[in-house]
All heavy atoms as atom14 arrays in JSON, in Angstrom:
{
  "sequence": "EVFLTIWSNRHKTTLKYSFRTYISAALKYSIYSKLASRLKYQN",
  "atom14_mask": [
    [1, 1, 1, 1, 1, 1, 1, 1, 1, 0, 0, 0, 0, 0],
    [1, 1, 1, 1, 1, 1, 1, 0, 0, 0, 0, 0, 0, 0],
    [1, 1, 1, 1, 1, 1, 1, 1, 1, 1, 1, 0, 0, 0],
    [1, 1, 1, 1, 1, 1, 1, 1, 0, 0, 0, 0, 0, 0],
    [1, 1, 1, 1, 1, 1, 1, 0, 0, 0, 0, 0, 0, 0],
    [1, 1, 1, 1, 1, 1, 1, 1, 0, 0, 0, 0, 0, 0],
    [1, 1, 1, 1, 1, 1, 1, 1, 1, 1, 1, 1, 1, 1],
    [1, 1, 1, 1, 1, 1, 0, 0, 0, 0, 0, 0, 0, 0],
    [1, 1, 1, 1, 1, 1, 1, 1, 0, 0, 0, 0, 0, 0],
    [1, 1, 1, 1, 1, 1, 1, 1, 1, 1, 1, 0, 0, 0],
    [1, 1, 1, 1, 1, 1, 1, 1, 1, 1, 0, 0, 0, 0],
    [1, 1, 1, 1, 1, 1, 1, 1, 1, 0, 0, 0, 0, 0],
    [1, 1, 1, 1, 1, 1, 1, 0, 0, 0, 0, 0, 0, 0],
    [1, 1, 1, 1, 1, 1, 1, 0, 0, 0, 0, 0, 0, 0],
    [1, 1, 1, 1, 1, 1, 1, 1, 0, 0, 0, 0, 0, 0],
    [1, 1, 1, 1, 1, 1, 1, 1, 1, 0, 0, 0, 0, 0],
    [1, 1, 1, 1, 1, 1, 1, 1, 1, 1, 1, 1, 0, 0],
    [1, 1, 1, 1, 1, 1, 0, 0, 0, 0, 0, 0, 0, 0],
    [1, 1, 1, 1, 1, 1, 1, 1, 1, 1, 1, 0, 0, 0],
    [1, 1, 1, 1, 1, 1, 1, 1, 1, 1, 1, 0, 0, 0],
    [1, 1, 1, 1, 1, 1, 1, 0, 0, 0, 0, 0, 0, 0],
    [1, 1, 1, 1, 1, 1, 1, 1, 1, 1, 1, 1, 0, 0],
    [1, 1, 1, 1, 1, 1, 1, 1, 0, 0, 0, 0, 0, 0],
    [1, 1, 1, 1, 1, 1, 0, 0, 0, 0, 0, 0, 0, 0],
    [1, 1, 1, 1, 1, 0, 0, 0, 0, 0, 0, 0, 0, 0],
    [1, 1, 1, 1, 1, 0, 0, 0, 0, 0, 0, 0, 0, 0],
    [1, 1, 1, 1, 1, 1, 1, 1, 0, 0, 0, 0, 0, 0],
    [1, 1, 1, 1, 1, 1, 1, 1, 1, 0, 0, 0, 0, 0],
    [1, 1, 1, 1, 1, 1, 1, 1, 1, 1, 1, 1, 0, 0],
    [1, 1, 1, 1, 1, 1, 0, 0, 0, 0, 0, 0, 0, 0],
    [1, 1, 1, 1, 1, 1, 1, 1, 0, 0, 0, 0, 0, 0],
    [1, 1, 1, 1, 1, 1, 1, 1, 1, 1, 1, 1, 0, 0],
    [1, 1, 1, 1, 1, 1, 0, 0, 0, 0, 0, 0, 0, 0],
    [1, 1, 1, 1, 1, 1, 1, 1, 1, 0, 0, 0, 0, 0],
    [1, 1, 1, 1, 1, 1, 1, 1, 0, 0, 0, 0, 0, 0],
    [1, 1, 1, 1, 1, 0, 0, 0, 0, 0, 0, 0, 0, 0],
    [1, 1, 1, 1, 1, 1, 0, 0, 0, 0, 0, 0, 0, 0],
    [1, 1, 1, 1, 1, 1, 1, 1, 1, 1, 1, 0, 0, 0],
    [1, 1, 1, 1, 1, 1, 1, 1, 0, 0, 0, 0, 0, 0],
    [1, 1, 1, 1, 1, 1, 1, 1, 1, 0, 0, 0, 0, 0],
    [1, 1, 1, 1, 1, 1, 1, 1, 1, 1, 1, 1, 0, 0],
    [1, 1, 1, 1, 1, 1, 1, 1, 1, 0, 0, 0, 0, 0],
    [1, 1, 1, 1, 1, 1, 1, 1, 0, 0, 0, 0, 0, 0]
  ],
  "atom14_positions": [
    [[8.31, 36.54, -6.57], [9.23, 36.25, -7.68], [8.71, 35.1, -8.53], [8.82, 35.13, -9.76], [10.62, 35.91, -7.14], [11.39, 37.1, -6.63], [12.69, 36.72, -5.93], [13.14, 35.55, -6.07], [13.23, 37.58, -5.23], [0.0, 0.0, 0.0], [0.0, 0.0, 0.0], [0.0, 0.0, 0.0], [0.0, 0.0, 0.0], [0.0, 0.0, 0.0]],
    [[8.14, 34.09, -7.88], [7.6, 32.94, -8.62], [6.5, 33.42, -9.56], [6.48, 33.08, -10.74], [7.07, 31.86, -7.65], [6.22, 30.83, -8.39], [8.23, 31.17, -6.94], [0.0, 0.0, 0.0], [0.0, 0.0, 0.0], [0.0, 0.0, 0.0], [0.0, 0.0, 0.0], [0.0, 0.0, 0.0], [0.0, 0.0, 0.0], [0.0, 0.0, 0.0]],
    [[5.57, 34.23, -9.04], [4.48, 34.7, -9.88], [4.95, 35.65, -10.97], [4.46, 35.61, -12.1], [3.37, 35.33, -9.04], [2.49, 34.3, -8.37], [2.61, 34.04, -7.02], [1.57, 33.59, -9.11], [1.81, 33.1, -6.41], [0.76, 32.62, -8.51], [0.89, 32.37, -7.16], [0.0, 0.0, 0.0], [0.0, 0.0, 0.0], [0.0, 0.0, 0.0]],
    [[5.93, 36.49, -10.66], [6.48, 37.37, -11.69], [7.14, 36.57, -12.8], [6.99, 36.88, -13.99], [7.51, 38.33, -11.07], [6.94, 39.5, -10.28], [8.04, 40.25, -9.56], [6.14, 40.44, -11.17], [0.0, 0.0, 0.0], [0.0, 0.0, 0.0], [0.0, 0.0, 0.0], [0.0, 0.0, 0.0], [0.0, 0.0, 0.0], [0.0, 0.0, 0.0]],
    [[7.86, 35.51, -12.42], [8.5, 34.65, -13.42], [7.46, 33.94, -14.27], [7.62, 33.84, -15.5], [9.41, 33.62, -12.71], [10.38, 34.34, -11.94], [10.1, 32.72, -13.71], [0.0, 0.0, 0.0], [0.0, 0.0, 0.0], [0.0, 0.0, 0.0], [0.0, 0.0, 0.0], [0.0, 0.0, 0.0], [0.0, 0.0, 0.0], [0.0, 0.0, 0.0]],
    [[6.39, 33.47, -13.64], [5.33, 32.8, -14.4], [4.74, 33.76, -15.43], [4.56, 33.42, -16.59], [4.23, 32.25, -13.46], [4.77, 31.03, -12.71], [2.96, 31.9, -14.22], [3.87, 30.52, -11.61], [0.0, 0.0, 0.0], [0.0, 0.0, 0.0], [0.0, 0.0, 0.0], [0.0, 0.0, 0.0], [0.0, 0.0, 0.0], [0.0, 0.0, 0.0]],
    [[4.46, 35.0, -15.0], [3.89, 35.97, -15.94], [4.9, 36.33, -17.04], [4.55, 36.36, -18.22], [3.45, 37.22, -15.19], [2.86, 38.24, -16.13], [3.45, 39.36, -16.59], [1.58, 38.16, -16.76], [2.61, 40.02, -17.46], [1.45, 39.31, -17.6], [0.53, 37.26, -16.72], [0.32, 39.56, -18.36], [-0.6, 37.51, -17.49], [-0.7, 38.65, -18.3]],
    [[6.14, 36.57, -16.65], [7.16, 36.97, -17.63], [7.44, 35.89, -18.66], [7.72, 36.18, -19.82], [8.47, 37.3, -16.91], [8.29, 38.35, -16.02], [0.0, 0.0, 0.0], [0.0, 0.0, 0.0], [0.0, 0.0, 0.0], [0.0, 0.0, 0.0], [0.0, 0.0, 0.0], [0.0, 0.0, 0.0], [0.0, 0.0, 0.0], [0.0, 0.0, 0.0]],
    [[7.38, 34.62, -18.24], [7.71, 33.51, -19.14], [6.48, 32.78, -19.67], [6.59, 31.67, -20.18], [8.62, 32.51, -18.4], [9.94, 33.12, -18.01], [10.48, 33.95, -18.72], [10.44, 32.73, -16.86], [0.0, 0.0, 0.0], [0.0, 0.0, 0.0], [0.0, 0.0, 0.0], [0.0, 0.0, 0.0], [0.0, 0.0, 0.0], [0.0, 0.0, 0.0]],
    [[5.32, 33.4, -19.57], [4.07, 32.72, -19.92], [4.03, 32.23, -21.37], [3.43, 31.2, -21.65], [2.87, 33.62, -19.64], [2.79, 34.85, -20.51], [1.72, 35.81, -20.0], [1.64, 37.01, -20.78], [2.45, 38.05, -20.66], [3.42, 38.03, -19.78], [2.3, 39.13, -21.42], [0.0, 0.0, 0.0], [0.0, 0.0, 0.0], [0.0, 0.0, 0.0]],
    [[4.69, 32.93, -22.28], [4.64, 32.54, -23.69], [5.56, 31.37, -24.02], [5.31, 30.63, -24.96], [4.99, 33.73, -24.59], [4.01, 34.86, -24.47], [2.7, 34.75, -24.85], [4.16, 36.12, -23.98], [2.08, 35.9, -24.61], [2.94, 36.74, -24.08], [0.0, 0.0, 0.0], [0.0, 0.0, 0.0], [0.0, 0.0, 0.0], [0.0, 0.0, 0.0]],
    [[6.6, 31.19, -23.23], [7.56, 30.13, -23.56], [7.51, 28.94, -22.61], [8.2, 27.96, -22.82], [8.98, 30.71, -23.63], [9.44, 31.46, -22.42], [10.78, 32.13, -22.68], [11.1, 33.11, -21.56], [12.19, 33.96, -21.85], [0.0, 0.0, 0.0], [0.0, 0.0, 0.0], [0.0, 0.0, 0.0], [0.0, 0.0, 0.0], [0.0, 0.0, 0.0]],
    [[6.68, 29.0, -21.58], [6.58, 27.9, -20.61], [5.52, 26.91, -21.05], [4.42, 27.28, -21.43], [6.22, 28.45, -19.21], [7.2, 29.39, -18.81], [6.16, 27.32, -18.2], [0.0, 0.0, 0.0], [0.0, 0.0, 0.0], [0.0, 0.0, 0.0], [0.0, 0.0, 0.0], [0.0, 0.0, 0.0], [0.0, 0.0, 0.0], [0.0, 0.0, 0.0]],
    [[5.89, 25.64, -21.01], [4.92, 24.57, -21.25], [4.92, 23.67, -20.02], [5.94, 23.5, -19.36], [5.27, 23.73, -22.49], [6.59, 23.22, -22.34], [5.17, 24.55, -23.75], [0.0, 0.0, 0.0], [0.0, 0.0, 0.0], [0.0, 0.0, 0.0], [0.0, 0.0, 0.0], [0.0, 0.0, 0.0], [0.0, 0.0, 0.0], [0.0, 0.0, 0.0]],
    [[3.77, 23.11, -19.71], [3.65, 22.25, -18.54], [3.94, 20.8, -18.93], [3.3, 20.26, -19.82], [2.24, 22.33, -17.95], [1.8, 23.68, -17.4], [0.39, 23.59, -16.85], [2.76, 24.17, -16.32], [0.0, 0.0, 0.0], [0.0, 0.0, 0.0], [0.0, 0.0, 0.0], [0.0, 0.0, 0.0], [0.0, 0.0, 0.0], [0.0, 0.0, 0.0]],
    [[4.92, 20.22, -18.24], [5.21, 18.81, -18.46], [4.29, 17.95, -17.6], [3.87, 16.88, -17.99], [6.68, 18.54, -18.11], [7.14, 17.15, -18.42], [8.64, 16.99, -18.21], [9.07, 15.59, -18.55], [10.5, 15.39, -18.29], [0.0, 0.0, 0.0], [0.0, 0.0, 0.0], [0.0, 0.0, 0.0], [0.0, 0.0, 0.0], [0.0, 0.0, 0.0]],
    [[3.98, 18.45, -16.41], [3.07, 17.78, -15.49], [1.93, 18.75, -15.19], [1.57, 19.55, -16.03], [3.82, 17.36, -14.22], [4.98, 16.43, -14.51], [6.29, 16.88, -14.49], [4.75, 15.1, -14.86], [7.34, 16.03, -14.78], [5.79, 14.24, -15.15], [7.09, 14.71, -15.11], [8.12, 13.88, -15.4], [0.0, 0.0, 0.0], [0.0, 0.0, 0.0]],
    [[1.42, 18.74, -14.0], [0.33, 19.65, -13.65], [0.88, 21.03, -13.31], [2.08, 21.19, -13.02], [-0.44, 19.09, -12.44], [0.39, 19.14, -11.28], [0.0, 0.0, 0.0], [0.0, 0.0, 0.0], [0.0, 0.0, 0.0], [0.0, 0.0, 0.0], [0.0, 0.0, 0.0], [0.0, 0.0, 0.0], [0.0, 0.0, 0.0], [0.0, 0.0, 0.0]],
    [[0.01, 22.02, -13.3], [0.42, 23.37, -12.92], [0.89, 23.37, -11.47], [1.85, 24.03, -11.12], [-0.73, 24.37, -13.1], [-0.36, 25.76, -12.68], [0.44, 26.55, -13.49], [-0.79, 26.27, -11.46], [0.81, 27.84, -13.09], [-0.42, 27.55, -11.06], [0.37, 28.33, -11.88], [0.0, 0.0, 0.0], [0.0, 0.0, 0.0], [0.0, 0.0, 0.0]],
    [[0.22, 22.61, -10.62], [0.58, 22.52, -9.2], [2.02, 22.01, -9.06], [2.79, 22.54, -8.26], [-0.39, 21.6, -8.48], [-0.13, 21.48, -6.99], [-1.11, 20.52, -6.36], [-2.44, 21.08, -6.36], [-3.1, 21.45, -5.28], [-2.55, 21.31, -4.11], [-4.31, 21.94, -5.35], [0.0, 0.0, 0.0], [0.0, 0.0, 0.0], [0.0, 0.0, 0.0]],
    [[2.39, 21.01, -9.83], [3.76, 20.49, -9.79], [4.74, 21.55, -10.28], [5.79, 21.75, -9.68], [3.87, 19.22, -10.66], [2.95, 18.25, -10.16], [5.27, 18.65, -10.64], [0.0, 0.0, 0.0], [0.0, 0.0, 0.0], [0.0, 0.0, 0.0], [0.0, 0.0, 0.0], [0.0, 0.0, 0.0], [0.0, 0.0, 0.0], [0.0, 0.0, 0.0]],
    [[4.36, 22.24, -11.34], [5.22, 23.29, -11.91], [5.47, 24.4, -10.91], [6.61, 24.8, -10.65], [4.58, 23.85, -13.19], [5.28, 25.07, -13.72], [6.49, 24.96, -14.4], [4.75, 26.34, -13.52], [7.16, 26.09, -14.87], [5.4, 27.46, -13.99], [6.6, 27.34, -14.66], [7.26, 28.45, -15.12], [0.0, 0.0, 0.0], [0.0, 0.0, 0.0]],
    [[4.41, 24.9, -10.3], [4.56, 26.04, -9.39], [5.28, 25.61, -8.11], [6.03, 26.38, -7.52], [3.2, 26.74, -9.11], [3.46, 28.16, -8.6], [2.34, 25.94, -8.16], [2.26, 29.06, -8.63], [0.0, 0.0, 0.0], [0.0, 0.0, 0.0], [0.0, 0.0, 0.0], [0.0, 0.0, 0.0], [0.0, 0.0, 0.0], [0.0, 0.0, 0.0]],
    [[5.09, 24.36, -7.7], [5.8, 23.84, -6.52], [7.29, 23.78, -6.77], [8.1, 24.16, -5.92], [5.29, 22.45, -6.16], [3.94, 22.5, -5.81], [0.0, 0.0, 0.0], [0.0, 0.0, 0.0], [0.0, 0.0, 0.0], [0.0, 0.0, 0.0], [0.0, 0.0, 0.0], [0.0, 0.0, 0.0], [0.0, 0.0, 0.0], [0.0, 0.0, 0.0]],
    [[7.66, 23.29, -7.95], [9.09, 23.21, -8.3], [9.68, 24.62, -8.41], [10.79, 24.88, -7.94], [9.27, 22.45, -9.61], [0.0, 0.0, 0.0], [0.0, 0.0, 0.0], [0.0, 0.0, 0.0], [0.0, 0.0, 0.0], [0.0, 0.0, 0.0], [0.0, 0.0, 0.0], [0.0, 0.0, 0.0], [0.0, 0.0, 0.0], [0.0, 0.0, 0.0]],
    [[8.93, 25.54, -9.01], [9.41, 26.92, -9.14], [9.65, 27.53, -7.76], [10.66, 28.19, -7.53], [8.4, 27.76, -9.93], [0.0, 0.0, 0.0], [0.0, 0.0, 0.0], [0.0, 0.0, 0.0], [0.0, 0.0, 0.0], [0.0, 0.0, 0.0], [0.0, 0.0, 0.0], [0.0, 0.0, 0.0], [0.0, 0.0, 0.0], [0.0, 0.0, 0.0]],
    [[8.73, 27.27, -6.83], [8.89, 27.79, -5.47], [10.11, 27.16, -4.8], [10.91, 27.85, -4.17], [7.63, 27.53, -4.64], [7.73, 27.99, -3.18], [7.83, 29.52, -3.11], [6.54, 27.5, -2.38], [0.0, 0.0, 0.0], [0.0, 0.0, 0.0], [0.0, 0.0, 0.0], [0.0, 0.0, 0.0], [0.0, 0.0, 0.0], [0.0, 0.0, 0.0]],
    [[10.25, 25.85, -4.97], [11.37, 25.15, -4.34], [12.71, 25.74, -4.8], [13.57, 26.05, -3.97], [11.3, 23.66, -4.69], [12.43, 22.85, -4.1], [12.25, 21.37, -4.32], [12.32, 21.0, -5.76], [12.38, 19.56, -6.0], [0.0, 0.0, 0.0], [0.0, 0.0, 0.0], [0.0, 0.0, 0.0], [0.0, 0.0, 0.0], [0.0, 0.0, 0.0]],
    [[12.86, 25.94, -6.08], [14.12, 26.47, -6.59], [14.33, 27.93, -6.18], [15.45, 28.36, -5.94], [14.23, 26.29, -8.1], [14.37, 24.83, -8.45], [13.42, 24.18, -9.22], [15.43, 24.08, -7.95], [13.53, 22.83, -9.51], [15.55, 22.73, -8.24], [14.6, 22.11, -9.01], [14.72, 20.77, -9.28], [0.0, 0.0, 0.0], [0.0, 0.0, 0.0]],
    [[13.25, 28.67, -6.07], [13.34, 30.05, -5.63], [13.78, 30.11, -4.16], [14.57, 30.96, -3.77], [11.98, 30.74, -5.82], [12.11, 32.12, -5.78], [0.0, 0.0, 0.0], [0.0, 0.0, 0.0], [0.0, 0.0, 0.0], [0.0, 0.0, 0.0], [0.0, 0.0, 0.0], [0.0, 0.0, 0.0], [0.0, 0.0, 0.0], [0.0, 0.0, 0.0]],
    [[13.28, 29.18, -3.36], [13.69, 29.1, -1.94], [15.16, 28.72, -1.86], [15.92, 29.33, -1.09], [12.8, 28.08, -1.18], [11.39, 28.64, -0.99], [13.43, 27.75, 0.19], [10.38, 27.64, -0.47], [0.0, 0.0, 0.0], [0.0, 0.0, 0.0], [0.0, 0.0, 0.0], [0.0, 0.0, 0.0], [0.0, 0.0, 0.0], [0.0, 0.0, 0.0]],
    [[15.59, 27.74, -2.64], [17.01, 27.35, -2.64], [17.89, 28.54, -3.02], [18.94, 28.76, -2.43], [17.28, 26.2, -3.62], [16.66, 24.89, -3.23], [16.28, 23.98, -4.2], [16.44, 24.54, -1.91], [15.71, 22.76, -3.87], [15.86, 23.34, -1.56], [15.5, 22.45, -2.55], [14.94, 21.25, -2.21], [0.0, 0.0, 0.0], [0.0, 0.0, 0.0]],
    [[17.44, 29.3, -4.0], [18.2, 30.46, -4.44], [18.3, 31.49, -3.31], [19.36, 32.07, -3.08], [17.53, 31.07, -5.67], [18.19, 32.22, -6.06], [0.0, 0.0, 0.0], [0.0, 0.0, 0.0], [0.0, 0.0, 0.0], [0.0, 0.0, 0.0], [0.0, 0.0, 0.0], [0.0, 0.0, 0.0], [0.0, 0.0, 0.0], [0.0, 0.0, 0.0]],
    [[17.2, 31.7, -2.61], [17.2, 32.66, -1.5], [18.13, 32.18, -0.39], [18.89, 32.97, 0.18], [15.77, 32.84, -0.96], [15.64, 33.79, 0.2], [16.12, 35.19, -0.12], [15.11, 35.95, -0.91], [15.52, 37.34, -1.16], [0.0, 0.0, 0.0], [0.0, 0.0, 0.0], [0.0, 0.0, 0.0], [0.0, 0.0, 0.0], [0.0, 0.0, 0.0]],
    [[18.1, 30.89, -0.08], [18.98, 30.35, 0.96], [20.44, 30.48, 0.55], [21.3, 30.81, 1.37], [18.63, 28.89, 1.26], [17.29, 28.67, 1.97], [16.94, 27.18, 2.0], [17.3, 29.25, 3.37], [0.0, 0.0, 0.0], [0.0, 0.0, 0.0], [0.0, 0.0, 0.0], [0.0, 0.0, 0.0], [0.0, 0.0, 0.0], [0.0, 0.0, 0.0]],
    [[20.72, 30.25, -0.72], [22.1, 30.37, -1.22], [22.56, 31.82, -1.14], [23.7, 32.1, -0.77], [22.19, 29.86, -2.65], [0.0, 0.0, 0.0], [0.0, 0.0, 0.0], [0.0, 0.0, 0.0], [0.0, 0.0, 0.0], [0.0, 0.0, 0.0], [0.0, 0.0, 0.0], [0.0, 0.0, 0.0], [0.0, 0.0, 0.0], [0.0, 0.0, 0.0]],
    [[21.67, 32.76, -1.46], [22.07, 34.17, -1.41], [22.27, 34.62, 0.03], [23.09, 35.49, 0.31], [21.07, 35.07, -2.12], [19.87, 35.15, -1.41], [0.0, 0.0, 0.0], [0.0, 0.0, 0.0], [0.0, 0.0, 0.0], [0.0, 0.0, 0.0], [0.0, 0.0, 0.0], [0.0, 0.0, 0.0], [0.0, 0.0, 0.0], [0.0, 0.0, 0.0]],
    [[21.57, 34.01, 0.96], [21.8, 34.31, 2.38], [23.24, 33.96, 2.76], [23.9, 34.74, 3.43], [20.88, 33.46, 3.27], [19.59, 34.07, 3.6], [18.94, 33.21, 4.66], [17.52, 33.46, 4.75], [16.71, 32.72, 5.45], [17.16, 31.67, 6.12], [15.43, 33.0, 5.51], [0.0, 0.0, 0.0], [0.0, 0.0, 0.0], [0.0, 0.0, 0.0]],
    [[23.68, 32.78, 2.32], [25.05, 32.37, 2.62], [26.05, 33.33, 2.0], [27.04, 33.69, 2.61], [25.31, 30.96, 2.09], [24.65, 29.8, 2.81], [24.91, 28.5, 2.04], [25.16, 29.69, 4.23], [0.0, 0.0, 0.0], [0.0, 0.0, 0.0], [0.0, 0.0, 0.0], [0.0, 0.0, 0.0], [0.0, 0.0, 0.0], [0.0, 0.0, 0.0]],
    [[25.75, 33.74, 0.78], [26.68, 34.57, 0.03], [26.81, 35.96, 0.66], [27.89, 36.54, 0.68], [26.18, 34.7, -1.41], [27.11, 35.43, -2.33], [26.56, 35.4, -3.74], [27.44, 36.18, -4.69], [26.87, 36.23, -6.02], [0.0, 0.0, 0.0], [0.0, 0.0, 0.0], [0.0, 0.0, 0.0], [0.0, 0.0, 0.0], [0.0, 0.0, 0.0]],
    [[25.71, 36.49, 1.18], [25.72, 37.87, 1.65], [25.73, 38.03, 3.16], [25.48, 39.11, 3.67], [24.53, 38.64, 1.05], [24.67, 38.78, -0.44], [23.84, 38.06, -1.3], [25.65, 39.58, -1.0], [23.98, 38.17, -2.67], [25.79, 39.69, -2.37], [24.94, 38.99, -3.19], [25.09, 39.1, -4.55], [0.0, 0.0, 0.0], [0.0, 0.0, 0.0]],
    [[25.98, 36.95, 3.89], [26.05, 37.08, 5.34], [27.2, 38.0, 5.72], [28.31, 37.88, 5.21], [26.29, 35.72, 5.99], [25.04, 34.95, 6.24], [25.33, 33.62, 6.9], [26.42, 33.11, 6.82], [24.33, 33.07, 7.54], [0.0, 0.0, 0.0], [0.0, 0.0, 0.0], [0.0, 0.0, 0.0], [0.0, 0.0, 0.0], [0.0, 0.0, 0.0]],
    [[26.92, 38.92, 6.6], [27.95, 39.83, 7.07], [28.59, 39.25, 8.32], [28.12, 39.46, 9.43], [27.38, 41.22, 7.39], [27.22, 42.06, 6.16], [27.92, 41.82, 5.18], [26.33, 43.03, 6.2], [0.0, 0.0, 0.0], [0.0, 0.0, 0.0], [0.0, 0.0, 0.0], [0.0, 0.0, 0.0], [0.0, 0.0, 0.0], [0.0, 0.0, 0.0]]
  ]
}
């Protein structure tokens, strides 16, 4: 999902810091989102 988002948003994304920082933050938020959806959809 992180890589798909990077490709999909490539024209409108600008780097404020390094690419490594950007992709790390993107991964972190994607993980938080996955953890939140786990809580939401637990049976």
